[in-house]
Amino acid sequence: MAGVPDIGPMETWRILSEDPEAALVDVRTDAEWTFVGVPDLSSIGKQPVLIPWQIYPTMQVNTHFADHLRKAGLTPLHRLYFICRSGARSLAAAQAAQAAGFPHAFNVADGFEGPVDPAGHRGTVAGWKADGLPWRQR
């Protein structure tokens, strides 16, 4: 296994826009999708694939994660870009995907909201939102 490369949100957006075999897999929880928002890929004719890496509220790892990737129509030919809040869970999910036979797995560096700023807020320093990429409330 070659490891999972980190790709910045802007580069991820460019690749998603240009590559029909690229998919964005949001591995956050149902609660995060509902209350924080989701990436909006509608302008490029795509939708994010929403599969939690951990199940809220217990935060146990989703033992059916790889099965859910397959059920979503994803194959080893797809290039999968995994995103979470800050890039930690998505890295674990991408590693699990590689181990399950999805060789083209990438981690979206800094995730959807990125690290906290000096005031303790997310979404202002780095990540999908801070880079001004499209997103919507669910």
N, C-alpha and C. Protein backbone atom coordinates (compact mmCIF):
# COMPACT_ATOMS: atom_id res chain seq x y z
N MET A 1 0.85 -1.18 0.00
CA MET A 1 0.00 0.00 0.00
C MET A 1 0.90 1.24 0.00
N ALA A 2 0.63 2.16 -0.89
CA ALA A 2 1.48 3.33 -1.09
C ALA A 2 1.24 4.42 -0.05
N GLY A 3 0.20 4.34 0.72
CA GLY A 3 -0.14 5.41 1.64
C GLY A 3 -1.18 6.32 1.02
N VAL A 4 -1.73 7.16 1.83
CA VAL A 4 -2.82 8.05 1.40
C VAL A 4 -2.28 9.47 1.30
N PRO A 5 -2.24 10.03 0.10
CA PRO A 5 -1.77 11.41 -0.04
C PRO A 5 -2.81 12.42 0.46
N ASP A 6 -2.30 13.51 1.02
CA ASP A 6 -3.16 14.66 1.37
C ASP A 6 -3.27 15.55 0.14
N ILE A 7 -4.50 15.95 -0.17
CA ILE A 7 -4.77 16.86 -1.28
C ILE A 7 -5.57 18.03 -0.71
N GLY A 8 -5.18 19.25 -1.03
CA GLY A 8 -5.90 20.42 -0.53
C GLY A 8 -7.30 20.52 -1.11
N PRO A 9 -8.19 21.23 -0.43
CA PRO A 9 -9.56 21.37 -0.91
C PRO A 9 -9.67 21.97 -2.32
N MET A 10 -8.87 22.99 -2.63
CA MET A 10 -8.95 23.62 -3.95
C MET A 10 -8.55 22.64 -5.05
N GLU A 11 -7.49 21.88 -4.80
CA GLU A 11 -7.05 20.88 -5.78
C GLU A 11 -8.09 19.77 -5.90
N THR A 12 -8.69 19.38 -4.78
CA THR A 12 -9.76 18.38 -4.81
C THR A 12 -10.91 18.87 -5.67
N TRP A 13 -11.31 20.12 -5.49
CA TRP A 13 -12.41 20.69 -6.29
C TRP A 13 -12.06 20.65 -7.78
N ARG A 14 -10.83 21.03 -8.11
CA ARG A 14 -10.40 21.02 -9.52
C ARG A 14 -10.50 19.61 -10.10
N ILE A 15 -10.00 18.64 -9.37
CA ILE A 15 -10.03 17.26 -9.85
C ILE A 15 -11.46 16.76 -9.96
N LEU A 16 -12.29 17.03 -8.97
CA LEU A 16 -13.70 16.62 -9.04
C LEU A 16 -14.38 17.23 -10.26
N SER A 17 -14.01 18.46 -10.58
CA SER A 17 -14.60 19.16 -11.72
C SER A 17 -14.18 18.56 -13.06
N GLU A 18 -12.97 18.05 -13.13
CA GLU A 18 -12.39 17.59 -14.39
C GLU A 18 -12.46 16.09 -14.61
N ASP A 19 -12.51 15.32 -13.55
CA ASP A 19 -12.37 13.87 -13.67
C ASP A 19 -13.70 13.17 -13.37
N PRO A 20 -14.31 12.55 -14.38
CA PRO A 20 -15.60 11.88 -14.16
C PRO A 20 -15.50 10.68 -13.21
N GLU A 21 -14.30 10.15 -13.02
CA GLU A 21 -14.12 9.00 -12.12
C GLU A 21 -13.74 9.43 -10.71
N ALA A 22 -13.74 10.72 -10.42
CA ALA A 22 -13.42 11.21 -9.07
C ALA A 22 -14.71 11.43 -8.29
N ALA A 23 -14.68 11.00 -7.03
CA ALA A 23 -15.84 11.16 -6.15
C ALA A 23 -15.39 11.69 -4.80
N LEU A 24 -16.25 12.51 -4.20
CA LEU A 24 -16.00 13.04 -2.86
C LEU A 24 -16.82 12.23 -1.88
N VAL A 25 -16.15 11.60 -0.92
CA VAL A 25 -16.82 10.80 0.10
C VAL A 25 -16.71 11.55 1.43
N ASP A 26 -17.85 12.03 1.91
CA ASP A 26 -17.92 12.76 3.18
C ASP A 26 -18.16 11.74 4.28
N VAL A 27 -17.19 11.59 5.18
CA VAL A 27 -17.25 10.54 6.20
C VAL A 27 -17.65 11.06 7.58
N ARG A 28 -18.17 12.28 7.63
CA ARG A 28 -18.62 12.81 8.91
C ARG A 28 -19.92 12.12 9.33
N THR A 29 -20.47 12.52 10.45
CA THR A 29 -21.68 11.89 10.97
C THR A 29 -22.94 12.57 10.42
N ASP A 30 -24.07 11.88 10.58
CA ASP A 30 -25.37 12.45 10.19
C ASP A 30 -25.57 13.82 10.84
N ALA A 31 -25.21 13.92 12.12
CA ALA A 31 -25.39 15.19 12.83
C ALA A 31 -24.57 16.30 12.19
N GLU A 32 -23.35 16.01 11.80
CA GLU A 32 -22.50 17.03 11.16
C GLU A 32 -23.07 17.44 9.81
N TRP A 33 -23.53 16.47 9.03
CA TRP A 33 -24.12 16.82 7.73
C TRP A 33 -25.33 17.72 7.93
N THR A 34 -26.14 17.42 8.93
CA THR A 34 -27.36 18.18 9.17
C THR A 34 -27.09 19.56 9.73
N PHE A 35 -26.23 19.66 10.74
CA PHE A 35 -26.06 20.92 11.45
C PHE A 35 -24.91 21.78 10.97
N VAL A 36 -23.92 21.20 10.30
CA VAL A 36 -22.76 21.97 9.83
C VAL A 36 -22.84 22.24 8.34
N GLY A 37 -23.41 21.31 7.58
CA GLY A 37 -23.53 21.46 6.13
C GLY A 37 -22.73 20.42 5.39
N VAL A 38 -22.89 20.41 4.07
CA VAL A 38 -22.20 19.45 3.21
C VAL A 38 -21.63 20.18 1.98
N PRO A 39 -20.56 19.65 1.42
CA PRO A 39 -20.05 20.22 0.18
C PRO A 39 -21.15 20.17 -0.90
N ASP A 40 -21.26 21.22 -1.67
CA ASP A 40 -22.26 21.29 -2.74
C ASP A 40 -21.54 21.14 -4.07
N LEU A 41 -21.73 19.98 -4.69
CA LEU A 41 -21.07 19.68 -5.97
C LEU A 41 -22.03 19.81 -7.15
N SER A 42 -23.20 20.36 -6.91
CA SER A 42 -24.22 20.40 -7.96
C SER A 42 -23.77 21.18 -9.19
N SER A 43 -22.94 22.19 -9.02
CA SER A 43 -22.51 22.98 -10.18
C SER A 43 -21.59 22.19 -11.10
N ILE A 44 -21.05 21.08 -10.62
CA ILE A 44 -20.21 20.23 -11.47
C ILE A 44 -20.91 18.90 -11.77
N GLY A 45 -22.20 18.84 -11.50
CA GLY A 45 -23.00 17.67 -11.84
C GLY A 45 -22.76 16.44 -10.97
N LYS A 46 -22.32 16.67 -9.76
CA LYS A 46 -22.05 15.56 -8.84
C LYS A 46 -22.71 15.83 -7.49
N GLN A 47 -22.74 14.79 -6.68
CA GLN A 47 -23.19 14.89 -5.29
C GLN A 47 -22.14 14.21 -4.43
N PRO A 48 -21.90 14.72 -3.22
CA PRO A 48 -20.99 13.98 -2.34
C PRO A 48 -21.63 12.66 -1.92
N VAL A 49 -20.79 11.67 -1.72
CA VAL A 49 -21.24 10.38 -1.21
C VAL A 49 -21.13 10.46 0.31
N LEU A 50 -22.26 10.33 0.99
CA LEU A 50 -22.30 10.49 2.44
C LEU A 50 -22.29 9.12 3.11
N ILE A 51 -21.14 8.75 3.69
CA ILE A 51 -20.99 7.49 4.39
C ILE A 51 -20.20 7.76 5.67
N PRO A 52 -20.83 7.62 6.83
CA PRO A 52 -20.10 7.92 8.07
C PRO A 52 -19.00 6.90 8.35
N TRP A 53 -17.84 7.40 8.74
CA TRP A 53 -16.75 6.53 9.17
C TRP A 53 -17.03 6.03 10.59
N GLN A 54 -17.61 6.90 11.40
CA GLN A 54 -17.99 6.54 12.76
C GLN A 54 -19.48 6.83 12.93
N ILE A 55 -20.13 6.02 13.74
CA ILE A 55 -21.57 6.14 13.92
C ILE A 55 -21.88 6.98 15.16
N TYR A 56 -22.62 8.05 14.94
CA TYR A 56 -23.03 8.96 16.02
C TYR A 56 -24.18 8.31 16.78
N PRO A 57 -24.30 8.39 18.09
CA PRO A 57 -23.48 9.17 19.03
C PRO A 57 -22.34 8.38 19.67
N THR A 58 -22.26 7.06 19.44
CA THR A 58 -21.23 6.27 20.12
C THR A 58 -19.85 6.47 19.52
N MET A 59 -19.80 6.90 18.28
CA MET A 59 -18.57 7.13 17.52
C MET A 59 -17.75 5.85 17.33
N GLN A 60 -18.46 4.71 17.29
CA GLN A 60 -17.80 3.46 16.94
C GLN A 60 -17.57 3.45 15.44
N VAL A 61 -16.47 2.83 15.03
CA VAL A 61 -16.15 2.75 13.60
C VAL A 61 -17.25 1.97 12.89
N ASN A 62 -17.64 2.47 11.73
CA ASN A 62 -18.64 1.83 10.88
C ASN A 62 -18.01 0.57 10.27
N THR A 63 -18.38 -0.59 10.81
CA THR A 63 -17.77 -1.84 10.35
C THR A 63 -18.20 -2.23 8.94
N HIS A 64 -19.20 -1.56 8.39
CA HIS A 64 -19.68 -1.84 7.04
C HIS A 64 -19.25 -0.78 6.04
N PHE A 65 -18.25 0.02 6.41
CA PHE A 65 -17.82 1.15 5.59
C PHE A 65 -17.50 0.74 4.15
N ALA A 66 -16.66 -0.27 3.97
CA ALA A 66 -16.28 -0.68 2.61
C ALA A 66 -17.49 -1.18 1.83
N ASP A 67 -18.39 -1.89 2.50
CA ASP A 67 -19.62 -2.34 1.84
C ASP A 67 -20.45 -1.16 1.37
N HIS A 68 -20.50 -0.11 2.19
CA HIS A 68 -21.27 1.08 1.83
C HIS A 68 -20.65 1.79 0.62
N LEU A 69 -19.33 1.77 0.52
CA LEU A 69 -18.68 2.34 -0.67
C LEU A 69 -19.13 1.60 -1.92
N ARG A 70 -19.13 0.28 -1.83
CA ARG A 70 -19.55 -0.53 -2.99
C ARG A 70 -21.02 -0.31 -3.31
N LYS A 71 -21.87 -0.26 -2.28
CA LYS A 71 -23.31 -0.05 -2.50
C LYS A 71 -23.59 1.32 -3.11
N ALA A 72 -22.68 2.27 -2.89
CA ALA A 72 -22.83 3.60 -3.49
C ALA A 72 -22.40 3.61 -4.94
N GLY A 73 -21.96 2.46 -5.45
CA GLY A 73 -21.55 2.36 -6.85
C GLY A 73 -20.09 2.67 -7.09
N LEU A 74 -19.31 2.80 -6.04
CA LEU A 74 -17.89 3.11 -6.19
C LEU A 74 -17.11 1.82 -6.43
N THR A 75 -16.10 1.92 -7.28
CA THR A 75 -15.29 0.76 -7.65
C THR A 75 -13.81 1.10 -7.48
N PRO A 76 -12.94 0.10 -7.59
CA PRO A 76 -11.51 0.37 -7.51
C PRO A 76 -11.00 1.30 -8.61
N LEU A 77 -11.78 1.52 -9.66
CA LEU A 77 -11.37 2.44 -10.72
C LEU A 77 -11.59 3.91 -10.34
N HIS A 78 -12.48 4.16 -9.40
CA HIS A 78 -12.77 5.54 -8.99
C HIS A 78 -11.60 6.11 -8.18
N ARG A 79 -11.43 7.41 -8.31
CA ARG A 79 -10.51 8.14 -7.45
C ARG A 79 -11.36 8.76 -6.36
N LEU A 80 -11.12 8.34 -5.12
CA LEU A 80 -11.96 8.71 -3.99
C LEU A 80 -11.25 9.72 -3.11
N TYR A 81 -11.92 10.84 -2.89
CA TYR A 81 -11.41 11.92 -2.06
C TYR A 81 -12.25 11.94 -0.79
N PHE A 82 -11.62 11.61 0.34
CA PHE A 82 -12.32 11.49 1.61
C PHE A 82 -12.19 12.79 2.40
N ILE A 83 -13.33 13.25 2.94
CA ILE A 83 -13.34 14.49 3.69
C ILE A 83 -14.09 14.28 5.01
N CYS A 84 -13.59 14.91 6.07
CA CYS A 84 -14.28 14.93 7.36
C CYS A 84 -14.20 16.37 7.88
N ARG A 85 -14.29 16.56 9.17
CA ARG A 85 -14.24 17.92 9.71
C ARG A 85 -12.86 18.54 9.53
N SER A 86 -11.80 17.79 9.92
CA SER A 86 -10.47 18.38 9.93
C SER A 86 -9.40 17.58 9.21
N GLY A 87 -9.73 16.40 8.73
CA GLY A 87 -8.77 15.59 7.99
C GLY A 87 -8.28 14.35 8.72
N ALA A 88 -8.67 14.14 9.97
CA ALA A 88 -8.20 12.98 10.73
C ALA A 88 -9.04 11.73 10.44
N ARG A 89 -10.35 11.82 10.60
CA ARG A 89 -11.22 10.67 10.32
C ARG A 89 -11.16 10.29 8.85
N SER A 90 -11.07 11.28 7.97
CA SER A 90 -11.02 10.98 6.54
C SER A 90 -9.74 10.23 6.18
N LEU A 91 -8.65 10.52 6.86
CA LEU A 91 -7.41 9.77 6.62
C LEU A 91 -7.61 8.31 7.01
N ALA A 92 -8.20 8.06 8.17
CA ALA A 92 -8.46 6.69 8.61
C ALA A 92 -9.40 5.98 7.63
N ALA A 93 -10.41 6.67 7.16
CA ALA A 93 -11.37 6.09 6.21
C ALA A 93 -10.68 5.78 4.88
N ALA A 94 -9.82 6.67 4.42
CA ALA A 94 -9.10 6.45 3.17
C ALA A 94 -8.15 5.26 3.29
N GLN A 95 -7.50 5.13 4.43
CA GLN A 95 -6.62 3.98 4.66
C GLN A 95 -7.42 2.68 4.65
N ALA A 96 -8.60 2.70 5.27
CA ALA A 96 -9.46 1.52 5.28
C ALA A 96 -9.95 1.19 3.87
N ALA A 97 -10.25 2.23 3.10
CA ALA A 97 -10.69 2.01 1.72
C ALA A 97 -9.58 1.37 0.90
N GLN A 98 -8.35 1.86 1.05
CA GLN A 98 -7.23 1.24 0.35
C GLN A 98 -7.10 -0.22 0.73
N ALA A 99 -7.19 -0.51 2.02
CA ALA A 99 -7.06 -1.89 2.50
C ALA A 99 -8.19 -2.78 1.96
N ALA A 100 -9.34 -2.17 1.65
CA ALA A 100 -10.50 -2.91 1.14
C ALA A 100 -10.50 -3.02 -0.38
N GLY A 101 -9.43 -2.54 -1.03
CA GLY A 101 -9.33 -2.71 -2.48
C GLY A 101 -9.64 -1.49 -3.32
N PHE A 102 -9.68 -0.32 -2.69
CA PHE A 102 -9.86 0.94 -3.43
C PHE A 102 -8.50 1.65 -3.43
N PRO A 103 -7.68 1.42 -4.46
CA PRO A 103 -6.30 1.90 -4.42
C PRO A 103 -6.14 3.41 -4.58
N HIS A 104 -7.12 4.07 -5.18
CA HIS A 104 -6.99 5.50 -5.46
C HIS A 104 -7.74 6.30 -4.39
N ALA A 105 -7.20 6.30 -3.19
CA ALA A 105 -7.82 6.99 -2.06
C ALA A 105 -6.95 8.18 -1.66
N PHE A 106 -7.62 9.32 -1.45
CA PHE A 106 -6.93 10.56 -1.10
C PHE A 106 -7.63 11.19 0.10
N ASN A 107 -6.87 11.90 0.90
CA ASN A 107 -7.41 12.60 2.07
C ASN A 107 -7.48 14.09 1.76
N VAL A 108 -8.65 14.70 1.97
CA VAL A 108 -8.77 16.14 1.77
C VAL A 108 -8.18 16.83 2.99
N ALA A 109 -7.01 17.43 2.79
CA ALA A 109 -6.29 18.08 3.89
C ALA A 109 -7.14 19.18 4.51
N ASP A 110 -7.17 19.23 5.81
CA ASP A 110 -7.90 20.22 6.61
C ASP A 110 -9.41 20.04 6.57
N GLY A 111 -9.92 19.08 5.79
CA GLY A 111 -11.33 18.72 5.83
C GLY A 111 -12.29 19.83 5.46
N PHE A 112 -13.50 19.71 5.98
CA PHE A 112 -14.58 20.64 5.67
C PHE A 112 -14.45 21.95 6.45
N GLU A 113 -14.04 21.85 7.72
CA GLU A 113 -13.97 23.04 8.58
C GLU A 113 -12.57 23.45 8.99
N GLY A 114 -11.60 22.56 8.88
CA GLY A 114 -10.23 22.90 9.24
C GLY A 114 -10.00 23.04 10.73
N PRO A 115 -8.81 23.50 11.09
CA PRO A 115 -8.47 23.68 12.50
C PRO A 115 -9.16 24.91 13.09
N VAL A 116 -9.11 25.00 14.41
CA VAL A 116 -9.70 26.17 15.06
C VAL A 116 -8.80 27.39 14.90
N ASP A 117 -9.44 28.55 14.84
CA ASP A 117 -8.69 29.81 14.78
C ASP A 117 -8.38 30.26 16.21
N PRO A 118 -7.70 31.39 16.39
CA PRO A 118 -7.36 31.83 17.75
C PRO A 118 -8.59 32.05 18.65
N ALA A 119 -9.75 32.31 18.06
CA ALA A 119 -10.98 32.49 18.85
C ALA A 119 -11.69 31.17 19.12
N GLY A 120 -11.13 30.05 18.61
CA GLY A 120 -11.73 28.75 18.84
C GLY A 120 -12.81 28.37 17.85
N HIS A 121 -12.87 29.07 16.71
CA HIS A 121 -13.88 28.78 15.69
C HIS A 121 -13.26 28.01 14.53
N ARG A 122 -14.04 27.11 13.96
CA ARG A 122 -13.61 26.37 12.77
C ARG A 122 -14.20 27.04 11.53
N GLY A 123 -13.58 26.74 10.38
CA GLY A 123 -14.11 27.21 9.11
C GLY A 123 -13.54 28.54 8.65
N THR A 124 -12.56 29.07 9.38
CA THR A 124 -12.00 30.37 9.00
C THR A 124 -10.53 30.31 8.61
N VAL A 125 -9.82 29.26 9.04
CA VAL A 125 -8.38 29.19 8.84
C VAL A 125 -8.01 28.40 7.58
N ALA A 126 -8.57 27.21 7.45
CA ALA A 126 -8.25 26.32 6.33
C ALA A 126 -9.40 25.35 6.16
N GLY A 127 -9.41 24.64 5.05
CA GLY A 127 -10.45 23.66 4.79
C GLY A 127 -11.41 24.11 3.71
N TRP A 128 -12.37 23.25 3.40
CA TRP A 128 -13.34 23.47 2.33
C TRP A 128 -14.04 24.81 2.48
N LYS A 129 -14.61 25.07 3.66
CA LYS A 129 -15.36 26.32 3.89
C LYS A 129 -14.44 27.54 3.80
N ALA A 130 -13.30 27.48 4.48
CA ALA A 130 -12.38 28.62 4.49
C ALA A 130 -11.86 28.95 3.11
N ASP A 131 -11.75 27.93 2.25
CA ASP A 131 -11.29 28.16 0.87
C ASP A 131 -12.39 28.71 -0.03
N GLY A 132 -13.59 28.89 0.53
CA GLY A 132 -14.69 29.48 -0.24
C GLY A 132 -15.33 28.53 -1.24
N LEU A 133 -15.14 27.24 -1.04
CA LEU A 133 -15.76 26.26 -1.94
C LEU A 133 -17.25 26.11 -1.62
N PRO A 134 -18.05 25.71 -2.59
CA PRO A 134 -19.49 25.67 -2.37
C PRO A 134 -19.91 24.60 -1.35
N TRP A 135 -20.87 25.02 -0.52
CA TRP A 135 -21.44 24.11 0.46
C TRP A 135 -22.86 24.59 0.74
N ARG A 136 -23.63 23.71 1.38
CA ARG A 136 -25.01 24.07 1.69
C ARG A 136 -25.44 23.41 2.99
N GLN A 137 -26.45 23.97 3.58
CA GLN A 137 -27.08 23.32 4.74
C GLN A 137 -27.94 22.20 4.21
N ARG A 138 -28.03 21.15 4.93
CA ARG A 138 -28.80 19.99 4.51
C ARG A 138 -30.20 20.05 5.04
